N, C-alpha and C. Protein backbone atom coordinates (compact mmCIF):
# COMPACT_ATOMS: atom_id res chain seq x y z
N UNK A 1 68.84 22.12 29.13
CA UNK A 1 70.44 21.55 29.33
C UNK A 1 71.27 22.41 28.62
N UNK A 2 72.47 22.53 28.94
CA UNK A 2 73.38 23.54 28.39
C UNK A 2 74.24 22.34 27.29
N UNK A 3 74.57 23.16 26.24
CA UNK A 3 75.42 22.27 25.35
C UNK A 3 76.80 21.79 26.13
N UNK A 4 77.47 20.95 25.83
CA UNK A 4 78.64 20.86 26.10
C UNK A 4 79.23 19.29 26.28
N UNK A 5 80.27 19.17 27.06
CA UNK A 5 80.38 17.50 26.39
C UNK A 5 79.50 16.53 27.54
N UNK A 6 79.40 15.49 27.18
CA UNK A 6 78.08 14.43 27.65
C UNK A 6 79.31 13.90 28.76
N UNK A 7 78.48 13.47 29.99
CA UNK A 7 78.79 13.23 30.96
C UNK A 7 78.48 11.43 31.12
N UNK A 8 79.66 10.66 31.26
CA UNK A 8 79.43 9.12 31.09
C UNK A 8 79.55 8.30 32.28
N UNK A 9 79.04 7.77 33.22
CA UNK A 9 79.72 6.83 34.34
C UNK A 9 80.00 5.70 33.75
N UNK A 10 81.46 5.30 33.99
CA UNK A 10 81.85 3.81 34.03
C UNK A 10 81.75 2.88 35.10
N UNK A 11 81.49 2.04 34.79
CA UNK A 11 81.61 0.74 36.20
C UNK A 11 82.05 -0.48 35.98
N UNK A 12 83.32 -0.66 36.70
CA UNK A 12 83.64 -2.24 36.30
C UNK A 12 84.81 -2.59 37.41
N UNK A 13 84.51 -3.75 37.91
CA UNK A 13 85.43 -4.20 39.03
C UNK A 13 86.92 -4.19 38.67
N UNK A 14 87.01 -4.81 37.28
CA UNK A 14 88.66 -4.57 36.90
C UNK A 14 89.05 -3.24 36.49
N UNK A 15 90.12 -2.95 37.29
CA UNK A 15 90.71 -1.92 36.83
C UNK A 15 91.31 -1.48 35.80
N UNK A 16 91.70 -2.52 34.76
CA UNK A 16 92.54 -2.09 33.64
C UNK A 16 91.19 -1.65 32.62
N UNK A 17 90.07 -2.68 32.71
CA UNK A 17 88.82 -2.41 31.85
C UNK A 17 88.33 -1.34 31.82
N UNK A 18 88.14 -0.82 33.08
CA UNK A 18 87.95 0.67 33.79
C UNK A 18 88.59 1.83 33.09
N UNK A 19 90.39 1.62 33.05
CA UNK A 19 90.76 2.30 32.81
C UNK A 19 90.97 2.98 31.27
N UNK A 20 90.95 1.35 30.71
CA UNK A 20 91.08 1.79 28.91
C UNK A 20 89.68 2.37 28.42
N UNK A 21 88.74 2.01 29.11
CA UNK A 21 87.34 2.41 28.73
C UNK A 21 86.95 4.14 29.16
N UNK A 22 87.71 4.47 30.22
CA UNK A 22 87.56 5.95 30.62
C UNK A 22 88.82 6.96 29.81
N UNK A 23 89.55 6.07 29.39
CA UNK A 23 90.57 6.81 28.41
C UNK A 23 89.95 7.07 26.61
N UNK A 24 88.97 6.15 26.74
CA UNK A 24 88.83 6.11 25.41
C UNK A 24 87.73 7.16 25.15
N UNK A 25 86.64 6.83 26.00
CA UNK A 25 85.76 8.06 26.22
C UNK A 25 86.29 9.20 26.30
N UNK A 26 87.34 9.49 26.91
CA UNK A 26 88.02 11.01 27.46
C UNK A 26 88.65 11.17 25.99
N UNK A 27 89.12 10.46 25.59
CA UNK A 27 89.61 10.90 23.73
C UNK A 27 88.64 11.33 22.90
N UNK A 28 87.27 10.95 23.15
CA UNK A 28 85.92 11.23 22.28
C UNK A 28 85.62 12.19 22.77
N UNK A 29 86.00 13.20 23.72
CA UNK A 29 85.46 14.43 24.34
C UNK A 29 84.20 14.01 25.49
N UNK A 30 84.32 13.20 26.05
CA UNK A 30 83.26 12.70 26.90
C UNK A 30 83.67 13.26 28.49
N UNK A 31 83.24 13.79 29.14
CA UNK A 31 83.21 13.71 30.76
C UNK A 31 83.00 12.39 31.41
N UNK A 32 84.32 11.85 32.29
CA UNK A 32 84.14 10.57 32.26
C UNK A 32 83.90 10.33 33.98
N UNK A 33 83.08 9.88 34.73
CA UNK A 33 83.22 9.60 36.09
C UNK A 33 83.25 8.19 36.31
N UNK A 34 84.01 7.42 37.27
CA UNK A 34 84.43 6.20 37.53
C UNK A 34 83.93 5.38 38.50
N UNK A 35 83.47 4.19 38.70
CA UNK A 35 83.26 3.41 39.85
C UNK A 35 83.30 2.08 39.49
N UNK A 36 84.23 1.55 40.85
CA UNK A 36 84.56 0.03 40.75
C UNK A 36 83.17 -0.80 41.31
N UNK A 37 82.32 -0.33 41.56
CA UNK A 37 81.23 -1.56 42.17
C UNK A 37 79.81 -0.70 41.58
N UNK A 38 78.55 -1.34 42.05
CA UNK A 38 77.22 -0.72 42.04
C UNK A 38 77.26 0.05 43.34
N UNK A 39 77.74 0.12 44.32
CA UNK A 39 77.48 0.88 45.57
C UNK A 39 78.31 2.09 45.25
N UNK A 40 79.51 2.35 44.52
CA UNK A 40 80.21 3.28 44.14
C UNK A 40 79.51 4.14 43.05
N UNK A 41 78.98 3.44 42.12
CA UNK A 41 77.96 4.08 41.18
C UNK A 41 77.14 4.93 41.48
N UNK A 42 76.47 4.55 42.60
CA UNK A 42 75.13 5.01 43.35
C UNK A 42 75.72 6.25 43.67
N UNK A 43 76.83 5.97 44.32
CA UNK A 43 77.53 7.81 45.02
C UNK A 43 77.63 8.41 43.97
N UNK A 44 78.61 7.95 42.74
CA UNK A 44 78.78 9.01 41.76
C UNK A 44 77.51 9.70 40.98
N UNK A 45 76.47 8.73 41.01
CA UNK A 45 75.17 9.31 40.32
C UNK A 45 74.81 10.28 41.38
N UNK A 46 74.85 10.17 42.78
CA UNK A 46 74.11 11.41 43.43
C UNK A 46 75.15 12.62 43.63
N UNK A 47 76.40 12.27 43.23
CA UNK A 47 77.52 13.57 42.98
C UNK A 47 77.29 14.47 42.01
N UNK A 48 77.09 13.83 40.96
CA UNK A 48 76.79 14.67 39.80
C UNK A 48 76.06 13.79 38.75
N UNK A 49 75.55 14.60 38.00
CA UNK A 49 74.33 13.99 36.82
C UNK A 49 75.09 13.28 35.71
N UNK A 50 74.69 12.42 35.26
CA UNK A 50 75.18 11.84 34.16
C UNK A 50 74.30 11.51 33.32
N UNK A 51 74.57 11.55 31.65
CA UNK A 51 73.87 11.12 30.79
C UNK A 51 73.64 9.51 30.09
N UNK A 52 74.33 9.05 30.43
CA UNK A 52 74.75 7.50 30.43
C UNK A 52 75.57 6.64 31.23
N UNK A 53 74.89 5.48 31.39
CA UNK A 53 76.44 4.54 32.54
C UNK A 53 76.37 3.23 31.58
N UNK A 54 77.68 2.94 31.43
CA UNK A 54 78.33 1.93 30.81
C UNK A 54 78.79 0.87 31.94
N UNK A 55 78.23 -0.10 32.27
CA UNK A 55 78.48 -0.99 33.44
C UNK A 55 78.76 -2.55 33.14
N UNK A 56 79.91 -2.88 33.98
CA UNK A 56 79.87 -4.70 33.82
C UNK A 56 78.73 -5.16 34.39
N UNK A 57 78.47 -6.17 33.92
CA UNK A 57 77.30 -7.23 34.12
C UNK A 57 77.66 -7.77 35.68
N UNK A 58 78.83 -8.36 35.48
CA UNK A 58 79.21 -9.22 37.00
C UNK A 58 80.48 -8.52 37.51
N UNK A 59 79.66 -7.63 39.09
CA UNK A 59 80.81 -7.40 39.83
C UNK A 59 80.45 -7.50 41.19
N UNK A 60 81.40 -7.81 42.38
CA UNK A 60 80.99 -8.11 43.58
C UNK A 60 80.10 -7.11 44.25
N UNK A 61 79.54 -7.31 45.36
CA UNK A 61 78.83 -6.54 45.88
C UNK A 61 77.11 -6.08 45.42
N UNK A 62 77.19 -5.62 44.18
CA UNK A 62 76.02 -5.33 43.59
C UNK A 62 76.49 -5.24 41.86
N UNK A 63 75.79 -6.46 41.42
CA UNK A 63 75.95 -6.52 39.93
C UNK A 63 75.29 -5.57 38.95
N UNK A 64 75.53 -5.38 38.03
CA UNK A 64 74.95 -4.61 36.81
C UNK A 64 73.36 -4.60 36.80
N UNK A 65 72.92 -5.70 36.91
CA UNK A 65 71.30 -5.94 37.00
C UNK A 65 70.77 -5.07 38.31
N UNK A 66 71.37 -5.32 39.42
CA UNK A 66 70.70 -4.71 40.58
C UNK A 66 71.17 -3.25 40.60
N UNK A 67 72.37 -3.03 40.03
CA UNK A 67 72.39 -1.43 39.95
C UNK A 67 71.36 -0.65 38.97
N UNK A 68 70.99 -1.33 37.88
CA UNK A 68 69.97 -0.77 36.76
C UNK A 68 68.67 -0.83 37.73
N UNK A 69 68.53 -2.13 38.60
CA UNK A 69 66.96 -1.95 39.26
C UNK A 69 66.89 -0.88 40.05
N UNK A 70 68.06 -0.91 40.92
CA UNK A 70 68.19 0.40 41.65
C UNK A 70 67.98 2.10 41.18
N UNK A 71 68.52 1.95 39.95
CA UNK A 71 68.18 3.17 39.33
C UNK A 71 66.85 3.26 38.72
N UNK A 72 66.56 2.05 38.14
CA UNK A 72 64.76 2.52 37.78
C UNK A 72 63.94 2.83 38.99
N UNK A 73 64.26 2.60 40.35
CA UNK A 73 63.41 2.78 41.13
C UNK A 73 63.83 4.05 41.77
N UNK A 74 64.50 4.88 41.24
CA UNK A 74 64.97 6.39 41.97
C UNK A 74 64.79 7.22 40.40
N UNK A 75 63.54 7.99 41.01
CA UNK A 75 62.95 8.86 39.73
C UNK A 75 64.23 9.75 39.18
N UNK A 76 65.36 10.10 40.18
CA UNK A 76 66.46 10.85 39.77
C UNK A 76 67.33 10.00 38.70
N UNK A 77 67.32 8.73 38.74
CA UNK A 77 68.07 8.25 37.98
C UNK A 77 66.97 7.38 37.00
N UNK A 78 65.97 7.20 37.03
CA UNK A 78 65.17 6.15 36.04
C UNK A 78 65.43 6.33 34.36
N UNK A 79 65.55 7.53 34.00
CA UNK A 79 65.61 8.07 32.70
C UNK A 79 67.16 7.78 32.22
N UNK A 80 68.05 7.39 32.64
CA UNK A 80 69.40 7.54 32.42
C UNK A 80 69.80 6.19 31.42
N UNK A 81 69.87 5.93 30.13
CA UNK A 81 70.21 4.80 29.61
C UNK A 81 71.84 3.90 29.97
N UNK A 82 71.34 2.78 29.79
CA UNK A 82 72.64 1.76 30.28
C UNK A 82 73.05 0.95 29.34
N UNK A 83 74.42 1.02 29.39
CA UNK A 83 74.93 -0.04 28.54
C UNK A 83 75.41 -1.49 29.08
N UNK A 84 75.21 -2.47 29.00
CA UNK A 84 75.80 -3.63 29.55
C UNK A 84 77.41 -4.05 28.79
N UNK A 85 78.07 -4.39 29.76
CA UNK A 85 79.08 -5.28 29.23
C UNK A 85 79.49 -6.43 29.99
N UNK A 86 80.16 -7.51 29.26
CA UNK A 86 80.09 -8.41 30.37
C UNK A 86 81.28 -9.59 29.38
N UNK A 87 82.10 -10.11 30.27
CA UNK A 87 82.83 -11.52 29.74
C UNK A 87 82.20 -12.38 29.95
N UNK A 88 81.31 -13.10 30.16
CA UNK A 88 80.27 -13.88 30.04
C UNK A 88 79.12 -13.37 29.21
N UNK A 89 79.27 -14.27 27.75
CA UNK A 89 78.49 -13.85 26.71
C UNK A 89 77.08 -14.73 27.57
N UNK A 90 76.10 -14.19 27.57
CA UNK A 90 74.98 -15.13 27.75
C UNK A 90 73.86 -14.31 27.26
N UNK A 91 73.01 -15.11 26.53
CA UNK A 91 71.51 -14.01 26.29
C UNK A 91 70.56 -14.11 27.12
N UNK A 92 70.54 -15.14 27.90
CA UNK A 92 69.22 -14.84 29.39
C UNK A 92 69.89 -13.97 30.50
N UNK A 93 71.28 -13.02 30.14
CA UNK A 93 71.26 -12.33 31.32
C UNK A 93 70.00 -11.10 31.50
N UNK A 94 69.31 -11.11 32.33
CA UNK A 94 68.26 -10.37 32.76
C UNK A 94 68.66 -8.70 32.24
N UNK A 95 68.02 -7.92 31.70
CA UNK A 95 67.84 -6.83 30.74
C UNK A 95 66.84 -5.93 31.40
N UNK A 96 67.07 -4.84 32.44
CA UNK A 96 66.03 -4.11 32.67
C UNK A 96 65.69 -3.45 31.60
N UNK A 97 64.91 -2.48 32.01
CA UNK A 97 64.21 -1.68 30.99
C UNK A 97 65.11 -0.49 30.47
N UNK A 98 66.13 -0.12 31.36
CA UNK A 98 66.77 1.11 30.84
C UNK A 98 68.18 0.02 30.44
N UNK A 99 68.50 -0.90 30.02
CA UNK A 99 69.66 -1.19 28.94
C UNK A 99 69.18 -1.38 27.93
N UNK A 100 70.05 0.06 27.14
CA UNK A 100 69.94 0.13 25.32
C UNK A 100 70.84 -1.01 24.78
N UNK A 101 72.08 -1.51 25.26
CA UNK A 101 72.79 -2.37 24.59
C UNK A 101 73.57 -3.12 25.43
N UNK A 102 73.93 -4.40 24.85
CA UNK A 102 74.73 -5.37 25.55
C UNK A 102 76.16 -5.29 24.83
N UNK A 103 77.24 -5.61 25.09
CA UNK A 103 78.49 -6.07 24.48
C UNK A 103 79.29 -6.94 25.27
N UNK A 104 79.74 -7.79 24.44
CA UNK A 104 80.47 -8.95 25.11
C UNK A 104 81.85 -8.25 25.22
N UNK A 105 82.97 -8.91 26.38
CA UNK A 105 84.11 -8.39 26.27
C UNK A 105 85.12 -9.79 25.79
N UNK A 106 86.06 -9.48 25.27
CA UNK A 106 86.95 -7.95 24.72
C UNK A 106 85.93 -7.40 24.09
N UNK A 107 86.15 -5.86 24.67
CA UNK A 107 84.99 -4.91 23.63
C UNK A 107 85.29 -4.67 22.04
N UNK A 108 84.78 -4.57 21.23
CA UNK A 108 85.28 -3.85 19.97
C UNK A 108 84.71 -2.09 20.35
N UNK A 109 85.94 -1.33 20.61
CA UNK A 109 85.57 -0.02 20.60
C UNK A 109 84.60 0.91 19.61
N UNK A 110 85.10 0.28 18.57
CA UNK A 110 84.12 1.30 17.50
C UNK A 110 83.03 0.88 17.68
N UNK A 111 82.42 -0.42 17.87
CA UNK A 111 80.75 -0.60 18.20
C UNK A 111 80.36 -0.06 19.82
N UNK A 112 81.30 -0.13 20.69
CA UNK A 112 80.65 0.87 21.63
C UNK A 112 80.50 2.22 21.42
N UNK A 113 81.32 2.58 20.65
CA UNK A 113 81.47 4.40 20.70
C UNK A 113 80.05 4.50 19.77
N UNK A 114 79.93 3.62 18.74
CA UNK A 114 79.12 3.96 17.86
C UNK A 114 77.50 3.70 18.42
N UNK A 115 77.51 2.87 19.16
CA UNK A 115 76.41 2.46 20.43
C UNK A 115 76.31 3.96 21.51
N UNK A 116 77.28 4.07 21.89
CA UNK A 116 77.45 5.59 23.07
C UNK A 116 76.56 6.76 22.35
N UNK A 117 77.16 7.25 21.14
CA UNK A 117 76.65 8.38 20.22
C UNK A 117 75.09 8.02 20.40
N UNK A 118 75.07 6.85 19.46
CA UNK A 118 73.48 6.92 19.15
C UNK A 118 72.56 6.97 20.38
N UNK A 119 73.03 6.43 21.26
CA UNK A 119 72.20 6.71 22.42
C UNK A 119 71.99 8.07 23.21
N UNK A 120 73.14 8.51 23.17
CA UNK A 120 73.12 10.05 23.51
C UNK A 120 72.29 10.76 22.74
N UNK A 121 72.41 10.67 21.20
CA UNK A 121 71.49 11.20 20.30
C UNK A 121 70.24 11.39 20.87
N UNK A 122 69.67 9.83 20.90
CA UNK A 122 68.25 10.01 21.10
C UNK A 122 67.73 10.47 22.22
N UNK A 123 68.74 10.49 23.43
CA UNK A 123 68.43 11.03 24.71
C UNK A 123 68.23 12.69 24.63
N UNK A 124 69.21 13.37 23.66
CA UNK A 124 69.19 14.48 23.64
C UNK A 124 69.13 14.90 21.97
N UNK A 125 67.79 14.71 21.39
CA UNK A 125 67.74 15.13 20.04
C UNK A 125 67.91 16.72 19.63
N UNK A 126 68.09 16.68 18.58
CA UNK A 126 68.27 18.33 18.04
C UNK A 126 69.84 18.49 18.15
């Protein structure tokens, strides 16, 4: 893989949350793709490779858990790490094996960015 900006897919059905998170990540030097639901996220994944997915847990059409399960069932996406976000903090939210972190909304951006950098460093050591 060539060196360059990491590509992150942000998935959230709330436009304001999507926009703020995308702008934050762009400001950190990431390439950002966005989707407003799980179906759209799968389309984005097919269009362009990404190194990390940050997805809201509770969305219409396809929630974050189902998106993760679909990613795990597809060899092209099963190694992509995922960060869950949710306005509903629940310890019992199912966390598929590709979920590396969980953050409650409102997000503490510093903590989220720290997790993003750590996860990407683990994916691309060296």
